[in-house]
PDB file of N, CA and C in Angstrom:
ATOM      1  N   UNK A   1       0.836  -1.166   0.000  1.00  0.00           N
ATOM      2  CA  UNK A   1       0.000   0.000   0.000  1.00  0.00           C
ATOM      3  C   UNK A   1       0.890   1.242   0.000  1.00  0.00           C
ATOM      4  N   UNK A   2       0.598   2.150  -0.895  1.00  0.00           N
ATOM      5  CA  UNK A   2       1.393   3.370  -1.030  1.00  0.00           C
ATOM      6  C   UNK A   2       0.566   4.580  -0.618  1.00  0.00           C
ATOM      7  N   UNK A   3       1.243   5.566  -0.043  1.00  0.00           N
ATOM      8  CA  UNK A   3       0.604   6.814   0.349  1.00  0.00           C
ATOM      9  C   UNK A   3       1.163   7.953  -0.494  1.00  0.00           C
ATOM     10  N   UNK A   4       0.276   8.859  -0.874  1.00  0.00           N
ATOM     11  CA  UNK A   4       0.664  10.018  -1.674  1.00  0.00           C
ATOM     12  C   UNK A   4       0.154  11.289  -1.006  1.00  0.00           C
ATOM     13  N   UNK A   5       0.942  12.339  -1.119  1.00  0.00           N
ATOM     14  CA  UNK A   5       0.582  13.638  -0.574  1.00  0.00           C
ATOM     15  C   UNK A   5       0.325  14.603  -1.714  1.00  0.00           C
ATOM     16  N   UNK A   6      -0.868  15.200  -1.710  1.00  0.00           N
ATOM     17  CA  UNK A   6      -1.239  16.211  -2.696  1.00  0.00           C
ATOM     18  C   UNK A   6      -1.266  17.561  -1.971  1.00  0.00           C
ATOM     19  N   UNK A   7      -0.278  18.419  -2.190  1.00  0.00           N
ATOM     20  CA  UNK A   7      -0.248  19.709  -1.499  1.00  0.00           C
ATOM     21  C   UNK A   7      -1.532  20.508  -1.738  1.00  0.00           C
ATOM     22  N   UNK A   8      -1.892  21.365  -0.788  1.00  0.00           N
ATOM     23  CA  UNK A   8      -3.144  22.118  -0.896  1.00  0.00           C
ATOM     24  C   UNK A   8      -3.168  23.071  -2.088  1.00  0.00           C
ATOM     25  N   UNK A   9      -4.386  23.386  -2.517  1.00  0.00           N
ATOM     26  CA  UNK A   9      -4.583  24.318  -3.624  1.00  0.00           C
ATOM     27  C   UNK A   9      -5.434  25.493  -3.162  1.00  0.00           C
ATOM     28  N   UNK A  10      -5.425  26.559  -3.951  1.00  0.00           N
ATOM     29  CA  UNK A  10      -6.181  27.770  -3.663  1.00  0.00           C
ATOM     30  C   UNK A  10      -6.926  28.163  -4.929  1.00  0.00           C
ATOM     31  N   UNK A  11      -8.176  28.602  -4.772  1.00  0.00           N
ATOM     32  CA  UNK A  11      -8.954  29.106  -5.902  1.00  0.00           C
ATOM     33  C   UNK A  11      -8.761  30.617  -5.992  1.00  0.00           C
ATOM     34  N   UNK A  12      -8.297  31.090  -7.143  1.00  0.00           N
ATOM     35  CA  UNK A  12      -8.069  32.521  -7.342  1.00  0.00           C
ATOM     36  C   UNK A  12      -8.859  33.017  -8.539  1.00  0.00           C
ATOM     37  N   UNK A  13      -9.314  34.220  -8.441  1.00  0.00           N
ATOM     38  CA  UNK A  13     -10.050  34.797  -9.548  1.00  0.00           C
ATOM     39  C   UNK A  13     -10.008  36.298  -9.470  1.00  0.00           C
ATOM     40  N   UNK A  14     -10.434  36.964 -10.452  1.00  0.00           N
ATOM     41  CA  UNK A  14     -11.027  36.430 -11.672  1.00  0.00           C
ATOM     42  C   UNK A  14      -9.980  35.804 -12.598  1.00  0.00           C
ATOM     43  N   UNK A  15     -10.454  34.955 -13.503  1.00  0.00           N
ATOM     44  CA  UNK A  15      -9.573  34.225 -14.393  1.00  0.00           C
ATOM     45  C   UNK A  15      -9.054  35.069 -15.552  1.00  0.00           C
ATOM     46  N   UNK A  16      -9.634  36.228 -15.777  1.00  0.00           N
ATOM     47  CA  UNK A  16      -9.187  37.079 -16.878  1.00  0.00           C
ATOM     48  C   UNK A  16      -9.711  38.491 -16.711  1.00  0.00           C
ATOM     49  N   UNK A  17      -9.465  39.300 -17.727  1.00  0.00           N
ATOM     50  CA  UNK A  17      -9.827  40.700 -17.646  1.00  0.00           C
ATOM     51  C   UNK A  17     -11.206  41.053 -18.156  1.00  0.00           C
ATOM     52  N   UNK A  18     -11.807  40.192 -18.941  1.00  0.00           N
ATOM     53  CA  UNK A  18     -13.122  40.502 -19.498  1.00  0.00           C
ATOM     54  C   UNK A  18     -14.235  40.278 -18.499  1.00  0.00           C
ATOM     55  N   UNK A  19     -15.408  40.830 -18.800  1.00  0.00           N
ATOM     56  CA  UNK A  19     -16.553  40.729 -17.892  1.00  0.00           C
ATOM     57  C   UNK A  19     -16.968  39.280 -17.643  1.00  0.00           C
ATOM     58  N   UNK A  20     -16.872  38.420 -18.637  1.00  0.00           N
ATOM     59  CA  UNK A  20     -17.263  37.024 -18.465  1.00  0.00           C
ATOM     60  C   UNK A  20     -16.301  36.259 -17.555  1.00  0.00           C
ATOM     61  N   UNK A  21     -15.059  36.676 -17.509  1.00  0.00           N
ATOM     62  CA  UNK A  21     -14.063  35.957 -16.725  1.00  0.00           C
ATOM     63  C   UNK A  21     -14.169  36.246 -15.227  1.00  0.00           C
ATOM     64  N   UNK A  22     -14.900  37.254 -14.826  1.00  0.00           N
ATOM     65  CA  UNK A  22     -15.008  37.586 -13.414  1.00  0.00           C
ATOM     66  C   UNK A  22     -15.710  36.493 -12.608  1.00  0.00           C
ATOM     67  N   UNK A  23     -16.480  35.646 -13.270  1.00  0.00           N
ATOM     68  CA  UNK A  23     -17.161  34.557 -12.573  1.00  0.00           C
ATOM     69  C   UNK A  23     -16.283  33.341 -12.371  1.00  0.00           C
ATOM     70  N   UNK A  24     -15.217  33.220 -13.110  1.00  0.00           N
ATOM     71  CA  UNK A  24     -14.394  32.018 -13.086  1.00  0.00           C
ATOM     72  C   UNK A  24     -13.150  32.198 -12.230  1.00  0.00           C
ATOM     73  N   UNK A  25     -12.755  31.102 -11.598  1.00  0.00           N
ATOM     74  CA  UNK A  25     -11.552  31.095 -10.782  1.00  0.00           C
ATOM     75  C   UNK A  25     -10.614  30.017 -11.293  1.00  0.00           C
ATOM     76  N   UNK A  26      -9.330  30.198 -11.025  1.00  0.00           N
ATOM     77  CA  UNK A  26      -8.309  29.236 -11.415  1.00  0.00           C
ATOM     78  C   UNK A  26      -7.751  28.557 -10.166  1.00  0.00           C
ATOM     79  N   UNK A  27      -7.476  27.274 -10.276  1.00  0.00           N
ATOM     80  CA  UNK A  27      -6.882  26.535  -9.167  1.00  0.00           C
ATOM     81  C   UNK A  27      -5.371  26.688  -9.228  1.00  0.00           C
ATOM     82  N   UNK A  28      -4.790  27.144  -8.124  1.00  0.00           N
ATOM     83  CA  UNK A  28      -3.337  27.319  -8.024  1.00  0.00           C
ATOM     84  C   UNK A  28      -2.811  26.437  -6.902  1.00  0.00           C
ATOM     85  N   UNK A  29      -1.673  25.809  -7.122  1.00  0.00           N
ATOM     86  CA  UNK A  29      -1.102  24.892  -6.137  1.00  0.00           C
ATOM     87  C   UNK A  29      -0.043  25.585  -5.280  1.00  0.00           C
ATOM     88  N   UNK A  30      -0.031  25.221  -4.005  1.00  0.00           N
ATOM     89  CA  UNK A  30       1.002  25.671  -3.082  1.00  0.00           C
ATOM     90  C   UNK A  30       1.960  24.514  -2.828  1.00  0.00           C
ATOM     91  N   UNK A  31       3.212  24.836  -2.548  1.00  0.00           N
ATOM     92  CA  UNK A  31       4.187  23.825  -2.163  1.00  0.00           C
ATOM     93  C   UNK A  31       4.241  23.766  -0.644  1.00  0.00           C
ATOM     94  N   UNK A  32       4.604  22.609  -0.104  1.00  0.00           N
ATOM     95  CA  UNK A  32       4.734  22.433   1.337  1.00  0.00           C
ATOM     96  C   UNK A  32       6.169  22.022   1.632  1.00  0.00           C
ATOM     97  N   UNK A  33       6.758  22.673   2.628  1.00  0.00           N
ATOM     98  CA  UNK A  33       8.131  22.382   3.033  1.00  0.00           C
ATOM     99  C   UNK A  33       8.175  22.094   4.524  1.00  0.00           C
ATOM    100  N   UNK A  34       9.098  21.222   4.927  1.00  0.00           N
ATOM    101  CA  UNK A  34       9.297  20.951   6.342  1.00  0.00           C
ATOM    102  C   UNK A  34      10.599  21.594   6.780  1.00  0.00           C
ATOM    103  N   UNK A  35      10.515  22.441   7.804  1.00  0.00           N
ATOM    104  CA  UNK A  35      11.705  23.098   8.348  1.00  0.00           C
ATOM    105  C   UNK A  35      12.526  22.091   9.147  1.00  0.00           C
ATOM    106  N   UNK A  36      13.742  22.493   9.503  1.00  0.00           N
ATOM    107  CA  UNK A  36      14.617  21.613  10.279  1.00  0.00           C
ATOM    108  C   UNK A  36      14.100  21.381  11.693  1.00  0.00           C
ATOM    109  N   UNK A  37      13.222  22.259  12.202  1.00  0.00           N
ATOM    110  CA  UNK A  37      12.646  22.048  13.538  1.00  0.00           C
ATOM    111  C   UNK A  37      11.435  21.121  13.503  1.00  0.00           C
ATOM    112  N   UNK A  38      11.065  20.628  12.311  1.00  0.00           N
ATOM    113  CA  UNK A  38       9.961  19.689  12.165  1.00  0.00           C
ATOM    114  C   UNK A  38       8.635  20.309  11.788  1.00  0.00           C
ATOM    115  N   UNK A  39       8.524  21.629  11.822  1.00  0.00           N
ATOM    116  CA  UNK A  39       7.266  22.282  11.461  1.00  0.00           C
ATOM    117  C   UNK A  39       7.150  22.390   9.939  1.00  0.00           C
ATOM    118  N   UNK A  40       5.913  22.510   9.476  1.00  0.00           N
ATOM    119  CA  UNK A  40       5.633  22.622   8.050  1.00  0.00           C
ATOM    120  C   UNK A  40       5.106  24.008   7.730  1.00  0.00           C
ATOM    121  N   UNK A  41       5.322  24.439   6.494  1.00  0.00           N
ATOM    122  CA  UNK A  41       4.705  25.675   6.009  1.00  0.00           C
ATOM    123  C   UNK A  41       4.430  25.549   4.527  1.00  0.00           C
ATOM    124  N   UNK A  42       3.453  26.342   4.095  1.00  0.00           N
ATOM    125  CA  UNK A  42       2.999  26.314   2.709  1.00  0.00           C
ATOM    126  C   UNK A  42       3.376  27.621   2.036  1.00  0.00           C
ATOM    127  N   UNK A  43       3.845  27.523   0.799  1.00  0.00           N
ATOM    128  CA  UNK A  43       4.265  28.712   0.052  1.00  0.00           C
ATOM    129  C   UNK A  43       3.971  28.488  -1.428  1.00  0.00           C
ATOM    130  N   UNK A  44       3.624  29.557  -2.132  1.00  0.00           N
ATOM    131  CA  UNK A  44       3.291  29.431  -3.558  1.00  0.00           C
ATOM    132  C   UNK A  44       4.524  29.076  -4.383  1.00  0.00           C
ATOM    133  N   UNK A  45       5.539  29.889  -4.319  1.00  0.00           N
ATOM    134  CA  UNK A  45       6.746  29.645  -5.117  1.00  0.00           C
ATOM    135  C   UNK A  45       7.968  29.712  -4.213  1.00  0.00           C
ATOM    136  N   UNK A  46       8.419  28.566  -3.715  1.00  0.00           N
ATOM    137  CA  UNK A  46       9.580  28.572  -2.824  1.00  0.00           C
ATOM    138  C   UNK A  46      10.862  28.916  -3.576  1.00  0.00           C
ATOM    139  N   UNK A  47      11.765  29.567  -2.879  1.00  0.00           N
ATOM    140  CA  UNK A  47      13.052  29.904  -3.478  1.00  0.00           C
ATOM    141  C   UNK A  47      13.959  28.673  -3.466  1.00  0.00           C
ATOM    142  N   UNK A  48      15.046  28.748  -4.190  1.00  0.00           N
ATOM    143  CA  UNK A  48      16.015  27.647  -4.221  1.00  0.00           C
ATOM    144  C   UNK A  48      16.584  27.432  -2.827  1.00  0.00           C
ATOM    145  N   UNK A  49      16.876  28.513  -2.109  1.00  0.00           N
ATOM    146  CA  UNK A  49      17.402  28.395  -0.749  1.00  0.00           C
ATOM    147  C   UNK A  49      16.416  27.687   0.177  1.00  0.00           C
ATOM    148  N   UNK A  50      15.133  28.003   0.035  1.00  0.00           N
ATOM    149  CA  UNK A  50      14.118  27.353   0.866  1.00  0.00           C
ATOM    150  C   UNK A  50      14.048  25.859   0.595  1.00  0.00           C
ATOM    151  N   UNK A  51      14.074  25.479  -0.673  1.00  0.00           N
ATOM    152  CA  UNK A  51      13.969  24.052  -1.006  1.00  0.00           C
ATOM    153  C   UNK A  51      15.216  23.289  -0.580  1.00  0.00           C
ATOM    154  N   UNK A  52      16.390  23.914  -0.662  1.00  0.00           N
ATOM    155  CA  UNK A  52      17.619  23.232  -0.284  1.00  0.00           C
ATOM    156  C   UNK A  52      17.778  23.109   1.231  1.00  0.00           C
ATOM    157  N   UNK A  53      17.228  24.062   1.984  1.00  0.00           N
ATOM    158  CA  UNK A  53      17.373  24.005   3.439  1.00  0.00           C
ATOM    159  C   UNK A  53      16.256  23.206   4.113  1.00  0.00           C
ATOM    160  N   UNK A  54      15.220  22.829   3.375  1.00  0.00           N
ATOM    161  CA  UNK A  54      14.095  22.082   3.942  1.00  0.00           C
ATOM    162  C   UNK A  54      14.451  20.610   4.116  1.00  0.00           C
ATOM    163  N   UNK A  55      13.890  20.000   5.163  1.00  0.00           N
ATOM    164  CA  UNK A  55      14.058  18.553   5.339  1.00  0.00           C
ATOM    165  C   UNK A  55      13.310  17.802   4.248  1.00  0.00           C
ATOM    166  N   UNK A  56      12.064  18.236   4.005  1.00  0.00           N
ATOM    167  CA  UNK A  56      11.255  17.660   2.928  1.00  0.00           C
ATOM    168  C   UNK A  56      10.622  18.786   2.129  1.00  0.00           C
ATOM    169  N   UNK A  57      10.525  18.564   0.835  1.00  0.00           N
ATOM    170  CA  UNK A  57       9.917  19.535  -0.074  1.00  0.00           C
ATOM    171  C   UNK A  57       8.908  18.798  -0.940  1.00  0.00           C
ATOM    172  N   UNK A  58       7.651  19.236  -0.863  1.00  0.00           N
ATOM    173  CA  UNK A  58       6.572  18.646  -1.656  1.00  0.00           C
ATOM    174  C   UNK A  58       6.084  19.706  -2.634  1.00  0.00           C
ATOM    175  N   UNK A  59       6.495  19.616  -3.903  1.00  0.00           N
ATOM    176  CA  UNK A  59       6.094  20.639  -4.873  1.00  0.00           C
ATOM    177  C   UNK A  59       4.587  20.616  -5.139  1.00  0.00           C
ATOM    178  N   UNK A  60       4.009  21.801  -5.210  1.00  0.00           N
ATOM    179  CA  UNK A  60       2.584  21.931  -5.471  1.00  0.00           C
ATOM    180  C   UNK A  60       2.226  21.453  -6.865  1.00  0.00           C
ATOM    181  N   UNK A  61       1.050  20.887  -7.002  1.00  0.00           N
ATOM    182  CA  UNK A  61       0.588  20.406  -8.294  1.00  0.00           C
ATOM    183  C   UNK A  61       1.105  19.034  -8.658  1.00  0.00           C
ATOM    184  N   UNK A  62       1.759  18.365  -7.715  1.00  0.00           N
ATOM    185  CA  UNK A  62       2.313  17.036  -7.970  1.00  0.00           C
ATOM    186  C   UNK A  62       1.779  16.042  -6.954  1.00  0.00           C
ATOM    187  N   UNK A  63       1.752  14.800  -7.358  1.00  0.00           N
ATOM    188  CA  UNK A  63       1.363  13.696  -6.484  1.00  0.00           C
ATOM    189  C   UNK A  63       2.665  13.123  -5.930  1.00  0.00           C
ATOM    190  N   UNK A  64       2.927  13.367  -4.647  1.00  0.00           N
ATOM    191  CA  UNK A  64       4.204  13.021  -4.020  1.00  0.00           C
ATOM    192  C   UNK A  64       4.102  11.721  -3.234  1.00  0.00           C
ATOM    193  N   UNK A  65       4.914  10.727  -3.589  1.00  0.00           N
ATOM    194  CA  UNK A  65       4.979   9.474  -2.852  1.00  0.00           C
ATOM    195  C   UNK A  65       5.638   9.748  -1.503  1.00  0.00           C
ATOM    196  N   UNK A  66       5.004   9.288  -0.407  1.00  0.00           N
ATOM    197  CA  UNK A  66       5.548   9.538   0.923  1.00  0.00           C
ATOM    198  C   UNK A  66       5.677   8.232   1.699  1.00  0.00           C
ATOM    199  N   UNK A  67       6.548   8.236   2.693  1.00  0.00           N
ATOM    200  CA  UNK A  67       6.750   7.071   3.552  1.00  0.00           C
ATOM    201  C   UNK A  67       5.739   7.105   4.700  1.00  0.00           C
ATOM    202  N   UNK A  68       5.706   6.036   5.483  1.00  0.00           N
ATOM    203  CA  UNK A  68       4.807   5.991   6.633  1.00  0.00           C
ATOM    204  C   UNK A  68       5.166   7.065   7.660  1.00  0.00           C
ATOM    205  N   UNK A  69       6.462   7.305   7.857  1.00  0.00           N
ATOM    206  CA  UNK A  69       6.893   8.332   8.805  1.00  0.00           C
ATOM    207  C   UNK A  69       6.481   9.723   8.342  1.00  0.00           C
ATOM    208  N   UNK A  70       6.635   9.993   7.052  1.00  0.00           N
ATOM    209  CA  UNK A  70       6.198  11.285   6.510  1.00  0.00           C
ATOM    210  C   UNK A  70       4.692  11.438   6.643  1.00  0.00           C
ATOM    211  N   UNK A  71       3.960  10.364   6.375  1.00  0.00           N
ATOM    212  CA  UNK A  71       2.496  10.386   6.493  1.00  0.00           C
ATOM    213  C   UNK A  71       2.084  10.761   7.915  1.00  0.00           C
ATOM    214  N   UNK A  72       2.682  10.120   8.902  1.00  0.00           N
ATOM    215  CA  UNK A  72       2.367  10.402  10.302  1.00  0.00           C
ATOM    216  C   UNK A  72       2.664  11.847  10.653  1.00  0.00           C
ATOM    217  N   UNK A  73       3.793  12.343  10.193  1.00  0.00           N
ATOM    218  CA  UNK A  73       4.196  13.723  10.469  1.00  0.00           C
ATOM    219  C   UNK A  73       3.268  14.727   9.792  1.00  0.00           C
ATOM    220  N   UNK A  74       2.869  14.455   8.557  1.00  0.00           N
ATOM    221  CA  UNK A  74       1.960  15.354   7.834  1.00  0.00           C
ATOM    222  C   UNK A  74       0.570  15.370   8.473  1.00  0.00           C
ATOM    223  N   UNK A  75       0.103  14.221   8.937  1.00  0.00           N
ATOM    224  CA  UNK A  75      -1.195  14.162   9.612  1.00  0.00           C
ATOM    225  C   UNK A  75      -1.146  14.981  10.899  1.00  0.00           C
ATOM    226  N   UNK A  76      -0.063  14.844  11.654  1.00  0.00           N
ATOM    227  CA  UNK A  76       0.090  15.602  12.896  1.00  0.00           C
ATOM    228  C   UNK A  76       0.145  17.104  12.634  1.00  0.00           C
ATOM    229  N   UNK A  77       0.647  17.496  11.465  1.00  0.00           N
ATOM    230  CA  UNK A  77       0.755  18.918  11.110  1.00  0.00           C
ATOM    231  C   UNK A  77      -0.546  19.468  10.521  1.00  0.00           C
ATOM    232  N   UNK A  78      -1.562  18.624  10.341  1.00  0.00           N
ATOM    233  CA  UNK A  78      -2.846  19.092   9.841  1.00  0.00           C
ATOM    234  C   UNK A  78      -3.078  18.906   8.355  1.00  0.00           C
ATOM    235  N   UNK A  79      -2.225  18.143   7.698  1.00  0.00           N
ATOM    236  CA  UNK A  79      -2.366  17.910   6.260  1.00  0.00           C
ATOM    237  C   UNK A  79      -2.967  16.544   5.943  1.00  0.00           C
ATOM    238  N   UNK A  80      -3.651  15.923   6.899  1.00  0.00           N
ATOM    239  CA  UNK A  80      -4.214  14.597   6.706  1.00  0.00           C
ATOM    240  C   UNK A  80      -5.212  14.493   5.566  1.00  0.00           C
ATOM    241  N   UNK A  81      -5.956  15.558   5.317  1.00  0.00           N
ATOM    242  CA  UNK A  81      -6.952  15.546   4.244  1.00  0.00           C
ATOM    243  C   UNK A  81      -6.306  15.514   2.859  1.00  0.00           C
ATOM    244  N   UNK A  82      -5.026  15.830   2.784  1.00  0.00           N
ATOM    245  CA  UNK A  82      -4.320  15.877   1.502  1.00  0.00           C
ATOM    246  C   UNK A  82      -3.553  14.589   1.207  1.00  0.00           C
ATOM    247  N   UNK A  83      -3.735  13.572   2.025  1.00  0.00           N
ATOM    248  CA  UNK A  83      -3.044  12.294   1.829  1.00  0.00           C
ATOM    249  C   UNK A  83      -4.034  11.289   1.261  1.00  0.00           C
ATOM    250  N   UNK A  84      -3.607  10.622   0.194  1.00  0.00           N
ATOM    251  CA  UNK A  84      -4.432   9.572  -0.405  1.00  0.00           C
ATOM    252  C   UNK A  84      -3.693   8.260  -0.355  1.00  0.00           C
ATOM    253  N   UNK A  85      -4.445   7.197  -0.404  1.00  0.00           N
ATOM    254  CA  UNK A  85      -3.891   5.847  -0.310  1.00  0.00           C
ATOM    255  C   UNK A  85      -4.241   5.089  -1.587  1.00  0.00           C
ATOM    256  N   UNK A  86      -3.258   4.493  -2.176  1.00  0.00           N
ATOM    257  CA  UNK A  86      -3.504   3.711  -3.403  1.00  0.00           C
ATOM    258  C   UNK A  86      -2.845   2.360  -3.303  1.00  0.00           C
TER     259      UNK A  86
END
């Protein structure tokens, strides 16, 4: 059994400049990083320094394979709804 982490997304709008686009929103993905102290944070576009200094980096918009230990840690941090099992 494998576990996957899908980082959270945000709905942003309007999708364009015209009057019709004001009703539509676009889904944007956030990335999740784990700091060296074990805490997690979410950011839209992490810098290279942030990704290199993080213990774990889960890029937004991707299905990330995670271990049982990562799963437990992500659930404890409040990201349990973003974990799927296949």
